[in-house]
Amino acid sequence: MIAVRRGIAVIVAVLAVGITLAACTVDGEAVREGRAVGTDKGHVDTDQFDKLLAECEVLPSSTIAKAVGGTTAESNFFGANCRWIVQPQQIDVTFNWFEWGDYNLEKETAQNLGFTTENISVQSQAAFTQRDPKRPQVCGVTAKSPAGGIFTWWVEPEAAQPGDPCAGPIKLMELILTGAN
């Protein structure tokens, strides 16, 4: 009987805590780290940007394919991230440009995800490679964008390729930082 009472008491306590936590509110406004309240309006008049997705056209598909050792590249997504599939080796290539991205935060995030990072320089810009030890054939390269924010190229072959897995994303970063297109 004592055990039943204790069990009921535990259940009631858990329910009470759950209900109390569900009813909690926090005063204030959610604000992105490093920003002041009211500075991020959350809306963008896209009519002001005639080339809103131009970053996905920063390099021709043929140049992307050649840089990673393929013959053709077909874009399969334009948006926050730009993606291509390179043939015939089946290599996924991803590019993103975070206009307000923070280089150090990006590196810290990669390390928190368990990726190994290595500082490099690409076209005199600070950069780093990021590698997932669980997927040794995959490499990403992040660099500071001359226009602000950060660029990142990821190259993910379906199967291991000969040579340095970071050679492709480093080459793509060199091309974008020199304005090659």
C-alpha atoms as a PDB file:
ATOM      1  CA  MET A   1       0.000   0.000   0.000  1.00  0.00           C
ATOM      2  CA  ILE A   2       2.869   2.363   0.816  1.00  0.00           C
ATOM      3  CA  ALA A   3       4.447   1.624  -2.572  1.00  0.00           C
ATOM      4  CA  VAL A   4       1.171   2.462  -4.370  1.00  0.00           C
ATOM      5  CA  ARG A   5       0.883   5.759  -2.470  1.00  0.00           C
ATOM      6  CA  ARG A   6       4.477   6.648  -3.330  1.00  0.00           C
ATOM      7  CA  GLY A   7       3.842   5.811  -6.984  1.00  0.00           C
ATOM      8  CA  ILE A   8       0.733   7.995  -7.068  1.00  0.00           C
ATOM      9  CA  ALA A   9       2.622  10.804  -5.306  1.00  0.00           C
ATOM     10  CA  VAL A  10       5.409  10.626  -7.892  1.00  0.00           C
ATOM     11  CA  ILE A  11       2.921  10.720 -10.778  1.00  0.00           C
ATOM     12  CA  VAL A  12       1.097  13.692  -9.264  1.00  0.00           C
ATOM     13  CA  ALA A  13       4.406  15.518  -8.701  1.00  0.00           C
ATOM     14  CA  VAL A  14       5.545  14.885 -12.288  1.00  0.00           C
ATOM     15  CA  LEU A  15       2.207  16.109 -13.654  1.00  0.00           C
ATOM     16  CA  ALA A  16       2.353  19.220 -11.467  1.00  0.00           C
ATOM     17  CA  VAL A  17       5.868  20.054 -12.644  1.00  0.00           C
ATOM     18  CA  GLY A  18       4.876  19.440 -16.269  1.00  0.00           C
ATOM     19  CA  ILE A  19       1.820  21.687 -16.032  1.00  0.00           C
ATOM     20  CA  THR A  20       3.831  24.385 -14.266  1.00  0.00           C
ATOM     21  CA  LEU A  21       6.568  24.339 -16.930  1.00  0.00           C
ATOM     22  CA  ALA A  22       4.043  24.375 -19.754  1.00  0.00           C
ATOM     23  CA  ALA A  23       2.463  27.491 -18.314  1.00  0.00           C
ATOM     24  CA  CYS A  24       5.766  29.386 -17.973  1.00  0.00           C
ATOM     25  CA  THR A  25       6.372  32.503 -20.021  1.00  0.00           C
ATOM     26  CA  VAL A  26       9.475  34.568 -20.470  1.00  0.00           C
ATOM     27  CA  ASP A  27       9.365  38.337 -20.664  1.00  0.00           C
ATOM     28  CA  GLY A  28      11.025  40.105 -23.579  1.00  0.00           C
ATOM     29  CA  GLU A  29      11.534  39.501 -27.277  1.00  0.00           C
ATOM     30  CA  ALA A  30      13.567  36.859 -29.047  1.00  0.00           C
ATOM     31  CA  VAL A  31      16.555  38.583 -30.607  1.00  0.00           C
ATOM     32  CA  ARG A  32      19.358  37.123 -32.690  1.00  0.00           C
ATOM     33  CA  GLU A  33      22.663  37.086 -30.802  1.00  0.00           C
ATOM     34  CA  GLY A  34      24.545  40.336 -31.219  1.00  0.00           C
ATOM     35  CA  ARG A  35      21.464  42.292 -32.353  1.00  0.00           C
ATOM     36  CA  ALA A  36      19.350  44.857 -30.541  1.00  0.00           C
ATOM     37  CA  VAL A  37      15.584  44.603 -30.167  1.00  0.00           C
ATOM     38  CA  GLY A  38      13.856  46.145 -33.164  1.00  0.00           C
ATOM     39  CA  THR A  39      16.810  45.975 -35.572  1.00  0.00           C
ATOM     40  CA  ASP A  40      15.664  42.810 -37.364  1.00  0.00           C
ATOM     41  CA  LYS A  41      12.287  43.463 -38.925  1.00  0.00           C
ATOM     42  CA  GLY A  42      11.855  39.943 -40.328  1.00  0.00           C
ATOM     43  CA  HIS A  43      10.527  41.102 -43.682  1.00  0.00           C
ATOM     44  CA  VAL A  44      12.302  41.910 -46.893  1.00  0.00           C
ATOM     45  CA  ASP A  45      10.878  43.716 -49.892  1.00  0.00           C
ATOM     46  CA  THR A  46      12.140  41.316 -52.554  1.00  0.00           C
ATOM     47  CA  ASP A  47      11.193  43.782 -55.305  1.00  0.00           C
ATOM     48  CA  GLN A  48      14.342  45.686 -54.306  1.00  0.00           C
ATOM     49  CA  PHE A  49      16.511  42.744 -55.334  1.00  0.00           C
ATOM     50  CA  ASP A  50      16.360  42.029 -59.047  1.00  0.00           C
ATOM     51  CA  LYS A  51      18.971  39.285 -58.715  1.00  0.00           C
ATOM     52  CA  LEU A  52      17.806  37.761 -55.443  1.00  0.00           C
ATOM     53  CA  LEU A  53      19.190  34.297 -56.242  1.00  0.00           C
ATOM     54  CA  ALA A  54      22.157  35.467 -58.302  1.00  0.00           C
ATOM     55  CA  GLU A  55      24.539  33.897 -55.809  1.00  0.00           C
ATOM     56  CA  CYS A  56      23.513  30.526 -57.233  1.00  0.00           C
ATOM     57  CA  GLU A  57      24.799  31.689 -60.609  1.00  0.00           C
ATOM     58  CA  VAL A  58      28.126  32.946 -59.302  1.00  0.00           C
ATOM     59  CA  LEU A  59      29.946  30.197 -61.220  1.00  0.00           C
ATOM     60  CA  PRO A  60      28.780  28.408 -64.365  1.00  0.00           C
ATOM     61  CA  SER A  61      27.774  24.775 -63.895  1.00  0.00           C
ATOM     62  CA  SER A  62      30.570  23.650 -66.231  1.00  0.00           C
ATOM     63  CA  THR A  63      33.152  25.408 -64.032  1.00  0.00           C
ATOM     64  CA  ILE A  64      31.747  23.767 -60.903  1.00  0.00           C
ATOM     65  CA  ALA A  65      31.888  20.346 -62.579  1.00  0.00           C
ATOM     66  CA  LYS A  66      35.477  20.819 -63.747  1.00  0.00           C
ATOM     67  CA  ALA A  67      36.641  22.080 -60.313  1.00  0.00           C
ATOM     68  CA  VAL A  68      35.523  18.879 -58.581  1.00  0.00           C
ATOM     69  CA  GLY A  69      36.638  16.461 -61.291  1.00  0.00           C
ATOM     70  CA  GLY A  70      33.370  15.949 -63.148  1.00  0.00           C
ATOM     71  CA  THR A  71      32.124  16.641 -66.645  1.00  0.00           C
ATOM     72  CA  THR A  72      28.652  18.093 -66.067  1.00  0.00           C
ATOM     73  CA  ALA A  73      26.846  19.735 -63.176  1.00  0.00           C
ATOM     74  CA  GLU A  74      23.101  20.079 -62.955  1.00  0.00           C
ATOM     75  CA  SER A  75      21.586  22.492 -60.468  1.00  0.00           C
ATOM     76  CA  ASN A  76      18.890  20.897 -58.380  1.00  0.00           C
ATOM     77  CA  PHE A  77      18.076  23.615 -55.844  1.00  0.00           C
ATOM     78  CA  PHE A  78      18.336  27.392 -55.705  1.00  0.00           C
ATOM     79  CA  GLY A  79      17.469  29.050 -52.429  1.00  0.00           C
ATOM     80  CA  ALA A  80      19.263  29.598 -49.144  1.00  0.00           C
ATOM     81  CA  ASN A  81      21.689  26.934 -50.331  1.00  0.00           C
ATOM     82  CA  CYS A  82      22.613  26.356 -53.952  1.00  0.00           C
ATOM     83  CA  ARG A  83      23.081  22.728 -54.951  1.00  0.00           C
ATOM     84  CA  TRP A  84      24.393  20.835 -57.958  1.00  0.00           C
ATOM     85  CA  ILE A  85      24.887  17.173 -58.806  1.00  0.00           C
ATOM     86  CA  VAL A  86      28.098  16.579 -60.707  1.00  0.00           C
ATOM     87  CA  GLN A  87      28.380  13.610 -63.052  1.00  0.00           C
ATOM     88  CA  PRO A  88      29.585  11.056 -63.867  1.00  0.00           C
ATOM     89  CA  GLN A  89      30.969  10.484 -60.336  1.00  0.00           C
ATOM     90  CA  GLN A  90      27.754  11.528 -58.504  1.00  0.00           C
ATOM     91  CA  ILE A  91      29.235  14.369 -56.454  1.00  0.00           C
ATOM     92  CA  ASP A  92      26.937  16.693 -54.526  1.00  0.00           C
ATOM     93  CA  VAL A  93      28.147  20.302 -54.407  1.00  0.00           C
ATOM     94  CA  THR A  94      26.577  22.899 -52.130  1.00  0.00           C
ATOM     95  CA  PHE A  95      27.265  26.626 -51.914  1.00  0.00           C
ATOM     96  CA  ASN A  96      25.918  29.172 -49.477  1.00  0.00           C
ATOM     97  CA  TRP A  97      26.585  32.790 -48.776  1.00  0.00           C
ATOM     98  CA  PHE A  98      25.399  34.087 -45.449  1.00  0.00           C
ATOM     99  CA  GLU A  99      25.566  37.850 -45.884  1.00  0.00           C
ATOM    100  CA  TRP A 100      25.566  38.399 -42.121  1.00  0.00           C
ATOM    101  CA  GLY A 101      27.336  35.150 -41.271  1.00  0.00           C
ATOM    102  CA  ASP A 102      30.043  35.193 -38.644  1.00  0.00           C
ATOM    103  CA  TYR A 103      33.271  33.392 -39.540  1.00  0.00           C
ATOM    104  CA  ASN A 104      34.189  32.504 -35.945  1.00  0.00           C
ATOM    105  CA  LEU A 105      30.680  31.331 -35.100  1.00  0.00           C
ATOM    106  CA  GLU A 106      30.634  29.125 -38.202  1.00  0.00           C
ATOM    107  CA  LYS A 107      33.935  27.557 -37.194  1.00  0.00           C
ATOM    108  CA  GLU A 108      32.789  27.061 -33.607  1.00  0.00           C
ATOM    109  CA  THR A 109      29.587  25.427 -34.858  1.00  0.00           C
ATOM    110  CA  ALA A 110      31.557  23.016 -37.053  1.00  0.00           C
ATOM    111  CA  GLN A 111      33.726  22.063 -34.081  1.00  0.00           C
ATOM    112  CA  ASN A 112      30.676  21.622 -31.843  1.00  0.00           C
ATOM    113  CA  LEU A 113      29.288  19.214 -34.460  1.00  0.00           C
ATOM    114  CA  GLY A 114      32.460  17.147 -34.080  1.00  0.00           C
ATOM    115  CA  PHE A 115      34.053  18.260 -37.345  1.00  0.00           C
ATOM    116  CA  THR A 116      37.787  18.795 -37.560  1.00  0.00           C
ATOM    117  CA  THR A 117      38.797  22.233 -38.792  1.00  0.00           C
ATOM    118  CA  GLU A 118      42.034  23.518 -40.247  1.00  0.00           C
ATOM    119  CA  ASN A 119      42.919  27.160 -40.822  1.00  0.00           C
ATOM    120  CA  ILE A 120      43.908  27.935 -44.405  1.00  0.00           C
ATOM    121  CA  SER A 121      44.157  30.995 -46.624  1.00  0.00           C
ATOM    122  CA  VAL A 122      42.382  31.168 -49.977  1.00  0.00           C
ATOM    123  CA  GLN A 123      43.218  34.125 -52.235  1.00  0.00           C
ATOM    124  CA  SER A 124      44.533  35.988 -49.159  1.00  0.00           C
ATOM    125  CA  GLN A 125      41.219  35.515 -47.324  1.00  0.00           C
ATOM    126  CA  ALA A 126      40.997  33.753 -43.965  1.00  0.00           C
ATOM    127  CA  ALA A 127      39.372  30.366 -44.462  1.00  0.00           C
ATOM    128  CA  PHE A 128      39.077  26.961 -42.855  1.00  0.00           C
ATOM    129  CA  THR A 129      38.325  23.434 -43.932  1.00  0.00           C
ATOM    130  CA  GLN A 130      35.781  21.361 -42.075  1.00  0.00           C
ATOM    131  CA  ARG A 131      35.664  17.600 -42.137  1.00  0.00           C
ATOM    132  CA  ASP A 132      33.373  15.058 -40.525  1.00  0.00           C
ATOM    133  CA  PRO A 133      35.536  12.168 -39.300  1.00  0.00           C
ATOM    134  CA  LYS A 134      32.614   9.817 -40.009  1.00  0.00           C
ATOM    135  CA  ARG A 135      32.625  10.836 -43.712  1.00  0.00           C
ATOM    136  CA  PRO A 136      36.278  11.268 -44.694  1.00  0.00           C
ATOM    137  CA  GLN A 137      35.515  11.799 -48.406  1.00  0.00           C
ATOM    138  CA  VAL A 138      33.501  14.961 -47.637  1.00  0.00           C
ATOM    139  CA  CYS A 139      34.990  18.429 -47.167  1.00  0.00           C
ATOM    140  CA  GLY A 140      33.656  21.931 -46.681  1.00  0.00           C
ATOM    141  CA  VAL A 141      35.555  25.198 -46.963  1.00  0.00           C
ATOM    142  CA  THR A 142      34.374  28.432 -45.390  1.00  0.00           C
ATOM    143  CA  ALA A 143      35.936  31.828 -46.083  1.00  0.00           C
ATOM    144  CA  LYS A 144      35.196  35.419 -45.292  1.00  0.00           C
ATOM    145  CA  SER A 145      33.360  37.088 -48.138  1.00  0.00           C
ATOM    146  CA  PRO A 146      34.944  40.330 -49.363  1.00  0.00           C
ATOM    147  CA  ALA A 147      31.423  41.817 -49.515  1.00  0.00           C
ATOM    148  CA  GLY A 148      30.635  40.754 -45.950  1.00  0.00           C
ATOM    149  CA  GLY A 149      29.524  37.554 -44.317  1.00  0.00           C
ATOM    150  CA  ILE A 150      30.844  34.145 -45.254  1.00  0.00           C
ATOM    151  CA  PHE A 151      30.957  31.781 -48.222  1.00  0.00           C
ATOM    152  CA  THR A 152      30.903  27.999 -47.809  1.00  0.00           C
ATOM    153  CA  TRP A 153      31.415  25.284 -50.431  1.00  0.00           C
ATOM    154  CA  TRP A 154      30.723  21.616 -49.588  1.00  0.00           C
ATOM    155  CA  VAL A 155      31.767  18.758 -51.858  1.00  0.00           C
ATOM    156  CA  GLU A 156      30.269  15.366 -51.063  1.00  0.00           C
ATOM    157  CA  PRO A 157      31.144  12.522 -53.445  1.00  0.00           C
ATOM    158  CA  GLU A 158      28.980   9.429 -53.266  1.00  0.00           C
ATOM    159  CA  ALA A 159      32.134   7.304 -53.131  1.00  0.00           C
ATOM    160  CA  ALA A 160      35.671   8.093 -52.044  1.00  0.00           C
ATOM    161  CA  GLN A 161      37.676   9.915 -54.716  1.00  0.00           C
ATOM    162  CA  PRO A 162      41.455   9.781 -55.159  1.00  0.00           C
ATOM    163  CA  GLY A 163      43.415  12.698 -53.749  1.00  0.00           C
ATOM    164  CA  ASP A 164      42.630  15.378 -51.196  1.00  0.00           C
ATOM    165  CA  PRO A 165      38.878  15.671 -50.509  1.00  0.00           C
ATOM    166  CA  CYS A 166      39.336  19.392 -49.816  1.00  0.00           C
ATOM    167  CA  ALA A 167      40.914  20.135 -53.208  1.00  0.00           C
ATOM    168  CA  GLY A 168      37.519  20.624 -54.903  1.00  0.00           C
ATOM    169  CA  PRO A 169      35.968  23.043 -52.397  1.00  0.00           C
ATOM    170  CA  ILE A 170      39.247  24.953 -52.138  1.00  0.00           C
ATOM    171  CA  LYS A 171      39.319  25.330 -55.946  1.00  0.00           C
ATOM    172  CA  LEU A 172      35.689  26.522 -55.952  1.00  0.00           C
ATOM    173  CA  MET A 173      36.514  29.025 -53.204  1.00  0.00           C
ATOM    174  CA  GLU A 174      39.504  30.306 -55.189  1.00  0.00           C
ATOM    175  CA  LEU A 175      37.279  30.809 -58.220  1.00  0.00           C
ATOM    176  CA  ILE A 176      34.568  32.681 -56.350  1.00  0.00           C
ATOM    177  CA  LEU A 177      37.042  34.880 -54.471  1.00  0.00           C
ATOM    178  CA  THR A 178      38.757  35.912 -57.715  1.00  0.00           C
ATOM    179  CA  GLY A 179      35.430  36.672 -59.365  1.00  0.00           C
ATOM    180  CA  ALA A 180      35.890  33.978 -62.005  1.00  0.00           C
ATOM    181  CA  ASN A 181      32.739  33.112 -63.851  1.00  0.00           C
END
